[in-house]
PDB file of N, CA and C in Angstrom:
ATOM      1  N   MET A   1       0.784  -1.210  -0.007  1.00  0.00           N
ATOM      2  CA  MET A   1      -0.011  -0.070   0.045  1.00  0.00           C
ATOM      3  C   MET A   1       0.876   1.042  -0.104  1.00  0.00           C
ATOM      4  N   ALA A   2       0.344   2.345  -0.482  1.00  0.00           N
ATOM      5  CA  ALA A   2       1.235   3.609  -0.505  1.00  0.00           C
ATOM      6  C   ALA A   2       1.390   4.096   0.795  1.00  0.00           C
ATOM      7  N   GLU A   3       2.701   4.855   0.826  1.00  0.00           N
ATOM      8  CA  GLU A   3       2.997   5.439   2.202  1.00  0.00           C
ATOM      9  C   GLU A   3       2.039   6.607   2.408  1.00  0.00           C
ATOM     10  N   GLN A   4       1.682   6.912   3.678  1.00  0.00           N
ATOM     11  CA  GLN A   4       0.839   7.834   4.100  1.00  0.00           C
ATOM     12  C   GLN A   4       1.611   9.153   3.987  1.00  0.00           C
ATOM     13  N   PHE A   5       0.736  10.395   4.101  1.00  0.00           N
ATOM     14  CA  PHE A   5       1.550  11.715   4.124  1.00  0.00           C
ATOM     15  C   PHE A   5       2.292  11.729   5.347  1.00  0.00           C
ATOM     16  N   ARG A   6       3.291  12.389   5.355  1.00  0.00           N
ATOM     17  CA  ARG A   6       4.176  12.705   6.339  1.00  0.00           C
ATOM     18  C   ARG A   6       4.796  14.196   6.278  1.00  0.00           C
ATOM     19  N   ILE A   7       5.313  14.815   7.405  1.00  0.00           N
ATOM     20  CA  ILE A   7       5.736  15.948   7.524  1.00  0.00           C
ATOM     21  C   ILE A   7       7.375  16.035   7.240  1.00  0.00           C
ATOM     22  N   VAL A   8       7.818  16.775   6.314  1.00  0.00           N
ATOM     23  CA  VAL A   8       9.374  16.716   6.123  1.00  0.00           C
ATOM     24  C   VAL A   8       9.807  18.053   6.455  1.00  0.00           C
ATOM     25  N   SER A   9      10.977  18.026   7.451  1.00  0.00           N
ATOM     26  CA  SER A   9      11.110  19.240   8.067  1.00  0.00           C
ATOM     27  C   SER A   9      12.335  19.636   7.024  1.00  0.00           C
ATOM     28  N   GLU A  10      12.585  20.946   7.022  1.00  0.00           N
ATOM     29  CA  GLU A  10      13.555  21.695   6.248  1.00  0.00           C
ATOM     30  C   GLU A  10      14.874  21.430   6.932  1.00  0.00           C
ATOM     31  N   ASP A  11      15.039  20.822   8.055  1.00  0.00           N
ATOM     32  CA  ASP A  11      16.428  20.715   8.903  1.00  0.00           C
ATOM     33  C   ASP A  11      17.005  19.336   8.341  1.00  0.00           C
ATOM     34  N   ASP A  12      16.349  18.562   7.705  1.00  0.00           N
ATOM     35  CA  ASP A  12      16.691  17.285   7.381  1.00  0.00           C
ATOM     36  C   ASP A  12      17.987  17.474   6.139  1.00  0.00           C
ATOM     37  N   PRO A  13      19.174  16.896   6.236  1.00  0.00           N
ATOM     38  CA  PRO A  13      20.043  17.217   5.212  1.00  0.00           C
ATOM     39  C   PRO A  13      19.678  16.538   3.927  1.00  0.00           C
ATOM     40  N   PRO A  14      19.805  16.824   2.793  1.00  0.00           N
ATOM     41  CA  PRO A  14      19.425  16.109   1.490  1.00  0.00           C
ATOM     42  C   PRO A  14      20.393  14.594   1.575  1.00  0.00           C
ATOM     43  N   PRO A  15      19.676  13.738   1.015  1.00  0.00           N
ATOM     44  CA  PRO A  15      20.734  12.473   0.910  1.00  0.00           C
ATOM     45  C   PRO A  15      21.992  12.652  -0.026  1.00  0.00           C
ATOM     46  N   THR A  16      22.873  12.048   0.515  1.00  0.00           N
ATOM     47  CA  THR A  16      24.208  12.201  -0.342  1.00  0.00           C
ATOM     48  C   THR A  16      24.188  11.243  -1.401  1.00  0.00           C
ATOM     49  N   PRO A  17      24.916  11.719  -2.407  1.00  0.00           N
ATOM     50  CA  PRO A  17      24.819  10.921  -3.636  1.00  0.00           C
ATOM     51  C   PRO A  17      25.877   9.736  -3.488  1.00  0.00           C
ATOM     52  N   THR A  18      25.496   8.603  -3.968  1.00  0.00           N
ATOM     53  CA  THR A  18      26.278   7.391  -3.675  1.00  0.00           C
ATOM     54  C   THR A  18      27.452   7.156  -4.788  1.00  0.00           C
ATOM     55  N   LYS A  19      28.502   6.812  -4.637  1.00  0.00           N
ATOM     56  CA  LYS A  19      29.446   6.754  -5.654  1.00  0.00           C
ATOM     57  C   LYS A  19      29.324   5.411  -6.330  1.00  0.00           C
ATOM     58  N   ALA A  20      29.295   5.509  -7.714  1.00  0.00           N
ATOM     59  CA  ALA A  20      29.021   4.111  -8.589  1.00  0.00           C
ATOM     60  C   ALA A  20      30.308   3.548  -8.459  1.00  0.00           C
ATOM     61  N   ASP A  21      30.154   2.250  -8.722  1.00  0.00           N
ATOM     62  CA  ASP A  21      31.164   1.291  -8.905  1.00  0.00           C
ATOM     63  C   ASP A  21      32.182   1.772 -10.039  1.00  0.00           C
ATOM     64  N   PRO A  22      33.346   1.628 -10.226  1.00  0.00           N
ATOM     65  CA  PRO A  22      34.266   2.010 -11.247  1.00  0.00           C
ATOM     66  C   PRO A  22      33.886   1.231 -12.642  1.00  0.00           C
ATOM     67  N   LEU A  23      33.528  -0.078 -12.076  1.00  0.00           N
ATOM     68  CA  LEU A  23      33.481  -1.025 -13.427  1.00  0.00           C
ATOM     69  C   LEU A  23      32.124  -0.825 -14.132  1.00  0.00           C
ATOM     70  N   SER A  24      30.977  -0.320 -13.120  1.00  0.00           N
ATOM     71  CA  SER A  24      29.792   0.008 -13.950  1.00  0.00           C
ATOM     72  C   SER A  24      30.034   1.446 -14.787  1.00  0.00           C
ATOM     73  N   GLN A  25      31.063   2.303 -14.237  1.00  0.00           N
ATOM     74  CA  GLN A  25      31.163   3.564 -15.050  1.00  0.00           C
ATOM     75  C   GLN A  25      32.000   3.215 -16.430  1.00  0.00           C
ATOM     76  N   ILE A  26      32.761   2.363 -16.273  1.00  0.00           N
ATOM     77  CA  ILE A  26      33.528   1.702 -17.425  1.00  0.00           C
ATOM     78  C   ILE A  26      32.480   1.029 -18.534  1.00  0.00           C
ATOM     79  N   GLY A  27      31.625   0.402 -17.947  1.00  0.00           N
ATOM     80  CA  GLY A  27      30.446  -0.273 -18.710  1.00  0.00           C
ATOM     81  C   GLY A  27      29.543   0.847 -19.372  1.00  0.00           C
ATOM     82  N   ILE A  28      29.285   1.792 -18.753  1.00  0.00           N
ATOM     83  CA  ILE A  28      28.442   2.916 -19.237  1.00  0.00           C
ATOM     84  C   ILE A  28      29.178   3.791 -20.123  1.00  0.00           C
ATOM     85  N   GLN A  29      30.541   4.100 -20.027  1.00  0.00           N
ATOM     86  CA  GLN A  29      31.217   4.590 -21.223  1.00  0.00           C
ATOM     87  C   GLN A  29      31.244   3.631 -22.378  1.00  0.00           C
ATOM     88  N   THR A  30      31.606   2.472 -22.230  1.00  0.00           N
ATOM     89  CA  THR A  30      31.603   1.530 -23.673  1.00  0.00           C
ATOM     90  C   THR A  30      30.336   1.595 -24.076  1.00  0.00           C
ATOM     91  N   LEU A  31      29.216   1.553 -23.419  1.00  0.00           N
ATOM     92  CA  LEU A  31      27.826   1.517 -23.976  1.00  0.00           C
ATOM     93  C   LEU A  31      27.553   2.774 -24.863  1.00  0.00           C
ATOM     94  N   MET A  32      27.948   3.887 -24.147  1.00  0.00           N
ATOM     95  CA  MET A  32      27.922   5.180 -24.850  1.00  0.00           C
ATOM     96  C   MET A  32      28.698   5.326 -26.113  1.00  0.00           C
ATOM     97  N   LEU A  33      29.807   4.798 -26.136  1.00  0.00           N
ATOM     98  CA  LEU A  33      30.766   4.560 -27.268  1.00  0.00           C
ATOM     99  C   LEU A  33      30.308   3.888 -28.532  1.00  0.00           C
ATOM    100  N   GLY A  34      29.592   2.601 -28.051  1.00  0.00           N
ATOM    101  CA  GLY A  34      28.911   1.736 -28.998  1.00  0.00           C
ATOM    102  C   GLY A  34      27.635   2.384 -29.727  1.00  0.00           C
ATOM    103  N   LEU A  35      27.039   3.132 -28.922  1.00  0.00           N
ATOM    104  CA  LEU A  35      25.701   3.730 -29.349  1.00  0.00           C
ATOM    105  C   LEU A  35      26.058   4.911 -30.248  1.00  0.00           C
ATOM    106  N   SER A  36      26.993   5.593 -30.136  1.00  0.00           N
ATOM    107  CA  SER A  36      27.341   6.771 -30.742  1.00  0.00           C
ATOM    108  C   SER A  36      28.034   6.168 -32.122  1.00  0.00           C
ATOM    109  N   ALA A  37      28.553   5.015 -32.174  1.00  0.00           N
ATOM    110  CA  ALA A  37      29.025   4.530 -33.495  1.00  0.00           C
ATOM    111  C   ALA A  37      27.919   3.964 -34.188  1.00  0.00           C
ATOM    112  N   LEU A  38      26.891   3.323 -33.549  1.00  0.00           N
ATOM    113  CA  LEU A  38      25.798   2.836 -34.141  1.00  0.00           C
ATOM    114  C   LEU A  38      25.127   3.884 -34.714  1.00  0.00           C
ATOM    115  N   SER A  39      24.807   4.927 -34.108  1.00  0.00           N
ATOM    116  CA  SER A  39      24.005   6.015 -34.621  1.00  0.00           C
ATOM    117  C   SER A  39      24.850   6.587 -35.804  1.00  0.00           C
ATOM    118  N   GLN A  40      25.952   6.846 -35.804  1.00  0.00           N
ATOM    119  CA  GLN A  40      26.689   7.364 -37.033  1.00  0.00           C
ATOM    120  C   GLN A  40      26.534   6.569 -38.316  1.00  0.00           C
ATOM    121  N   ARG A  41      26.573   5.264 -37.937  1.00  0.00           N
ATOM    122  CA  ARG A  41      26.370   4.139 -38.938  1.00  0.00           C
ATOM    123  C   ARG A  41      24.936   4.319 -39.608  1.00  0.00           C
ATOM    124  N   THR A  42      24.018   4.668 -38.693  1.00  0.00           N
ATOM    125  CA  THR A  42      22.692   4.742 -39.312  1.00  0.00           C
ATOM    126  C   THR A  42      22.328   5.667 -40.008  1.00  0.00           C
ATOM    127  N   LEU A  43      22.955   6.929 -39.551  1.00  0.00           N
ATOM    128  CA  LEU A  43      22.877   8.037 -40.403  1.00  0.00           C
ATOM    129  C   LEU A  43      23.515   7.959 -41.865  1.00  0.00           C
ATOM    130  N   ALA A  44      24.598   7.195 -41.871  1.00  0.00           N
ATOM    131  CA  ALA A  44      25.272   6.923 -43.160  1.00  0.00           C
ATOM    132  C   ALA A  44      24.397   6.222 -44.227  1.00  0.00           C
ATOM    133  N   ALA A  45      23.774   5.169 -43.226  1.00  0.00           N
ATOM    134  CA  ALA A  45      23.053   4.198 -43.992  1.00  0.00           C
ATOM    135  C   ALA A  45      21.706   5.010 -44.538  1.00  0.00           C
ATOM    136  N   LEU A  46      21.126   5.782 -43.875  1.00  0.00           N
ATOM    137  CA  LEU A  46      19.966   6.863 -44.315  1.00  0.00           C
ATOM    138  C   LEU A  46      20.361   7.569 -45.622  1.00  0.00           C
ATOM    139  N   SER A  47      21.590   8.126 -45.618  1.00  0.00           N
ATOM    140  CA  SER A  47      22.049   9.040 -46.713  1.00  0.00           C
ATOM    141  C   SER A  47      21.875   7.991 -47.855  1.00  0.00           C
ATOM    142  N   ARG A  48      22.538   6.719 -47.712  1.00  0.00           N
ATOM    143  CA  ARG A  48      22.524   5.941 -48.875  1.00  0.00           C
ATOM    144  C   ARG A  48      21.157   5.418 -49.322  1.00  0.00           C
ATOM    145  N   LEU A  49      20.241   5.264 -48.383  1.00  0.00           N
ATOM    146  CA  LEU A  49      18.796   5.030 -48.451  1.00  0.00           C
ATOM    147  C   LEU A  49      18.107   5.850 -49.678  1.00  0.00           C
ATOM    148  N   PHE A  50      18.485   7.166 -49.674  1.00  0.00           N
ATOM    149  CA  PHE A  50      17.861   7.994 -50.515  1.00  0.00           C
ATOM    150  C   PHE A  50      18.183   7.716 -52.056  1.00  0.00           C
ATOM    151  N   ALA A  51      19.542   7.428 -52.264  1.00  0.00           N
ATOM    152  CA  ALA A  51      19.888   7.112 -53.664  1.00  0.00           C
ATOM    153  C   ALA A  51      19.204   5.994 -53.983  1.00  0.00           C
ATOM    154  N   LEU A  52      18.906   4.868 -53.031  1.00  0.00           N
ATOM    155  CA  LEU A  52      18.442   3.586 -53.485  1.00  0.00           C
ATOM    156  C   LEU A  52      16.964   4.077 -53.789  1.00  0.00           C
ATOM    157  N   ILE A  53      16.318   4.750 -52.985  1.00  0.00           N
ATOM    158  CA  ILE A  53      14.852   5.013 -53.234  1.00  0.00           C
ATOM    159  C   ILE A  53      14.557   5.705 -54.705  1.00  0.00           C
ATOM    160  N   THR A  54      15.662   6.691 -55.109  1.00  0.00           N
ATOM    161  CA  THR A  54      15.380   7.287 -56.377  1.00  0.00           C
ATOM    162  C   THR A  54      15.582   6.434 -57.386  1.00  0.00           C
ATOM    163  N   VAL A  55      16.717   5.534 -57.295  1.00  0.00           N
ATOM    164  CA  VAL A  55      16.656   4.461 -58.317  1.00  0.00           C
ATOM    165  C   VAL A  55      15.745   3.627 -58.421  1.00  0.00           C
ATOM    166  N   VAL A  56      15.335   3.129 -57.645  1.00  0.00           N
ATOM    167  CA  VAL A  56      14.067   2.119 -57.536  1.00  0.00           C
ATOM    168  C   VAL A  56      12.816   2.941 -58.005  1.00  0.00           C
ATOM    169  N   SER A  57      12.660   4.078 -57.889  1.00  0.00           N
ATOM    170  CA  SER A  57      11.452   4.647 -58.364  1.00  0.00           C
ATOM    171  C   SER A  57      11.559   4.940 -59.859  1.00  0.00           C
ATOM    172  N   ALA A  58      12.853   5.138 -60.329  1.00  0.00           N
ATOM    173  CA  ALA A  58      13.120   5.258 -61.719  1.00  0.00           C
ATOM    174  C   ALA A  58      13.029   3.788 -62.482  1.00  0.00           C
ATOM    175  N   PHE A  59      13.328   2.758 -61.882  1.00  0.00           N
ATOM    176  CA  PHE A  59      13.197   1.357 -62.207  1.00  0.00           C
ATOM    177  C   PHE A  59      11.700   0.991 -62.402  1.00  0.00           C
ATOM    178  N   VAL A  60      10.878   1.564 -61.420  1.00  0.00           N
ATOM    179  CA  VAL A  60       9.382   1.105 -61.486  1.00  0.00           C
ATOM    180  C   VAL A  60       8.639   1.874 -62.609  1.00  0.00           C
ATOM    181  N   LEU A  61       9.102   3.170 -62.863  1.00  0.00           N
ATOM    182  CA  LEU A  61       8.471   3.641 -63.860  1.00  0.00           C
ATOM    183  C   LEU A  61       8.719   3.200 -65.349  1.00  0.00           C
ATOM    184  N   TRP A  62      10.162   2.807 -65.434  1.00  0.00           N
ATOM    185  CA  TRP A  62      10.665   2.106 -66.593  1.00  0.00           C
ATOM    186  C   TRP A  62       9.695   0.888 -66.870  1.00  0.00           C
ATOM    187  N   TRP A  63       9.691   0.229 -65.764  1.00  0.00           N
ATOM    188  CA  TRP A  63       8.942  -1.022 -65.856  1.00  0.00           C
ATOM    189  C   TRP A  63       7.430  -1.047 -66.319  1.00  0.00           C
ATOM    190  N   ALA A  64       6.895   0.153 -65.867  1.00  0.00           N
ATOM    191  CA  ALA A  64       5.359   0.412 -66.114  1.00  0.00           C
ATOM    192  C   ALA A  64       5.336   0.884 -67.507  1.00  0.00           C
ATOM    193  N   VAL A  65       6.258   1.429 -67.824  1.00  0.00           N
ATOM    194  CA  VAL A  65       6.086   2.150 -69.282  1.00  0.00           C
ATOM    195  C   VAL A  65       6.487   1.057 -70.496  1.00  0.00           C
ATOM    196  N   MET A  66       7.296   0.265 -70.203  1.00  0.00           N
ATOM    197  CA  MET A  66       7.981  -0.737 -71.188  1.00  0.00           C
ATOM    198  C   MET A  66       7.041  -1.556 -72.099  1.00  0.00           C
ATOM    199  N   PRO A  67       5.896  -2.177 -71.406  1.00  0.00           N
ATOM    200  CA  PRO A  67       5.081  -2.902 -72.439  1.00  0.00           C
ATOM    201  C   PRO A  67       4.444  -2.130 -73.616  1.00  0.00           C
ATOM    202  N   ASN A  68       4.297  -1.007 -73.389  1.00  0.00           N
ATOM    203  CA  ASN A  68       3.532  -0.298 -74.609  1.00  0.00           C
ATOM    204  C   ASN A  68       3.990   1.169 -74.472  1.00  0.00           C
ATOM    205  N   PRO A  69       5.276   1.608 -74.855  1.00  0.00           N
ATOM    206  CA  PRO A  69       5.670   2.943 -74.720  1.00  0.00           C
ATOM    207  C   PRO A  69       5.383   3.832 -75.913  1.00  0.00           C
ATOM    208  N   THR A  70       5.208   4.958 -75.524  1.00  0.00           N
ATOM    209  CA  THR A  70       5.175   5.927 -76.595  1.00  0.00           C
ATOM    210  C   THR A  70       6.400   6.908 -76.626  1.00  0.00           C
ATOM    211  N   VAL A  71       6.278   7.754 -77.599  1.00  0.00           N
ATOM    212  CA  VAL A  71       7.586   8.673 -77.654  1.00  0.00           C
ATOM    213  C   VAL A  71       7.732   9.564 -76.375  1.00  0.00           C
ATOM    214  N   LEU A  72       6.504  10.340 -76.133  1.00  0.00           N
ATOM    215  CA  LEU A  72       6.477  11.046 -74.751  1.00  0.00           C
ATOM    216  C   LEU A  72       6.668  10.373 -73.623  1.00  0.00           C
ATOM    217  N   GLN A  73       6.520   9.022 -73.335  1.00  0.00           N
ATOM    218  CA  GLN A  73       6.832   8.534 -72.300  1.00  0.00           C
ATOM    219  C   GLN A  73       8.289   8.300 -72.289  1.00  0.00           C
ATOM    220  N   LEU A  74       8.797   7.899 -73.332  1.00  0.00           N
ATOM    221  CA  LEU A  74      10.306   7.587 -73.363  1.00  0.00           C
ATOM    222  C   LEU A  74      11.196   8.734 -73.256  1.00  0.00           C
ATOM    223  N   VAL A  75      10.674   9.938 -73.679  1.00  0.00           N
ATOM    224  CA  VAL A  75      11.301  11.078 -73.356  1.00  0.00           C
ATOM    225  C   VAL A  75      11.141  11.686 -71.898  1.00  0.00           C
ATOM    226  N   GLY A  76      10.046  11.373 -71.439  1.00  0.00           N
ATOM    227  CA  GLY A  76       9.827  11.567 -69.949  1.00  0.00           C
ATOM    228  C   GLY A  76      10.738  10.610 -69.024  1.00  0.00           C
ATOM    229  N   LEU A  77      10.790   9.378 -69.544  1.00  0.00           N
ATOM    230  CA  LEU A  77      11.634   8.630 -68.591  1.00  0.00           C
ATOM    231  C   LEU A  77      13.234   8.826 -68.559  1.00  0.00           C
ATOM    232  N   GLY A  78      13.590   9.463 -69.947  1.00  0.00           N
ATOM    233  CA  GLY A  78      15.033   9.861 -70.040  1.00  0.00           C
ATOM    234  C   GLY A  78      15.050  11.201 -69.173  1.00  0.00           C
ATOM    235  N   MET A  79      14.225  12.217 -69.136  1.00  0.00           N
ATOM    236  CA  MET A  79      14.479  13.399 -68.395  1.00  0.00           C
ATOM    237  C   MET A  79      14.406  13.081 -66.902  1.00  0.00           C
ATOM    238  N   PHE A  80      13.502  11.977 -66.476  1.00  0.00           N
ATOM    239  CA  PHE A  80      13.582  11.707 -65.050  1.00  0.00           C
ATOM    240  C   PHE A  80      14.794  11.051 -64.783  1.00  0.00           C
ATOM    241  N   GLY A  81      15.363  10.028 -65.612  1.00  0.00           N
ATOM    242  CA  GLY A  81      16.589   9.571 -65.288  1.00  0.00           C
ATOM    243  C   GLY A  81      17.707  10.533 -65.244  1.00  0.00           C
ATOM    244  N   VAL A  82      17.715  11.642 -66.043  1.00  0.00           N
ATOM    245  CA  VAL A  82      18.526  12.687 -65.716  1.00  0.00           C
ATOM    246  C   VAL A  82      18.521  13.491 -64.530  1.00  0.00           C
ATOM    247  N   PHE A  83      17.165  13.594 -64.190  1.00  0.00           N
ATOM    248  CA  PHE A  83      16.933  14.254 -62.939  1.00  0.00           C
ATOM    249  C   PHE A  83      17.413  13.556 -61.846  1.00  0.00           C
ATOM    250  N   VAL A  84      17.183  12.097 -61.847  1.00  0.00           N
ATOM    251  CA  VAL A  84      17.550  11.373 -60.641  1.00  0.00           C
ATOM    252  C   VAL A  84      18.984  11.373 -60.630  1.00  0.00           C
ATOM    253  N   LEU A  85      19.876  11.237 -61.705  1.00  0.00           N
ATOM    254  CA  LEU A  85      21.368  11.311 -61.667  1.00  0.00           C
ATOM    255  C   LEU A  85      21.673  12.785 -61.053  1.00  0.00           C
ATOM    256  N   ALA A  86      21.077  13.656 -61.474  1.00  0.00           N
ATOM    257  CA  ALA A  86      21.574  15.087 -61.085  1.00  0.00           C
ATOM    258  C   ALA A  86      21.457  15.332 -59.406  1.00  0.00           C
ATOM    259  N   ILE A  87      20.159  14.810 -59.094  1.00  0.00           N
ATOM    260  CA  ILE A  87      19.870  14.969 -57.567  1.00  0.00           C
ATOM    261  C   ILE A  87      20.884  14.016 -56.710  1.00  0.00           C
ATOM    262  N   ASN A  88      21.169  12.864 -57.410  1.00  0.00           N
ATOM    263  CA  ASN A  88      22.029  11.849 -56.581  1.00  0.00           C
ATOM    264  C   ASN A  88      23.543  12.433 -56.545  1.00  0.00           C
ATOM    265  N   VAL A  89      23.997  13.127 -57.850  1.00  0.00           N
ATOM    266  CA  VAL A  89      25.321  13.781 -57.665  1.00  0.00           C
ATOM    267  C   VAL A  89      25.252  14.927 -56.619  1.00  0.00           C
ATOM    268  N   ILE A  90      24.280  15.871 -56.713  1.00  0.00           N
ATOM    269  CA  ILE A  90      24.195  16.910 -55.599  1.00  0.00           C
ATOM    270  C   ILE A  90      24.196  16.440 -54.171  1.00  0.00           C
ATOM    271  N   VAL A  91      23.602  15.126 -53.895  1.00  0.00           N
ATOM    272  CA  VAL A  91      23.323  14.829 -52.648  1.00  0.00           C
ATOM    273  C   VAL A  91      24.791  14.221 -52.100  1.00  0.00           C
ATOM    274  N   ARG A  92      25.583  13.557 -52.978  1.00  0.00           N
ATOM    275  CA  ARG A  92      26.849  12.886 -52.826  1.00  0.00           C
ATOM    276  C   ARG A  92      27.987  13.977 -52.619  1.00  0.00           C
ATOM    277  N   ARG A  93      27.835  15.338 -53.039  1.00  0.00           N
ATOM    278  CA  ARG A  93      28.817  16.238 -52.881  1.00  0.00           C
ATOM    279  C   ARG A  93      28.690  16.900 -51.495  1.00  0.00           C
ATOM    280  N   GLU A  94      27.596  16.759 -51.048  1.00  0.00           N
ATOM    281  CA  GLU A  94      27.395  17.450 -49.691  1.00  0.00           C
ATOM    282  C   GLU A  94      28.074  16.771 -48.561  1.00  0.00           C
TER     283      GLU A  94
END
């Protein structure tokens, strides 16, 4: 059951912080180092994901047009391909 209300006097000293075990401090630092490396790799993978999405979208459009292409569709696919290449070059340079 929950603790009942009690009066807390202002004269009581605040609880002193306990010192952590040095081994647990090393463990926490190792964990933080591992998590920072993992987050950096995740950000790098997400930047590569943009290129993959643009290439997959170009492929899907090409796949949809190929059964019965018209001249305008082929020109549009070519323009979209150039656009995707330009966007990927711009993203890679940053």
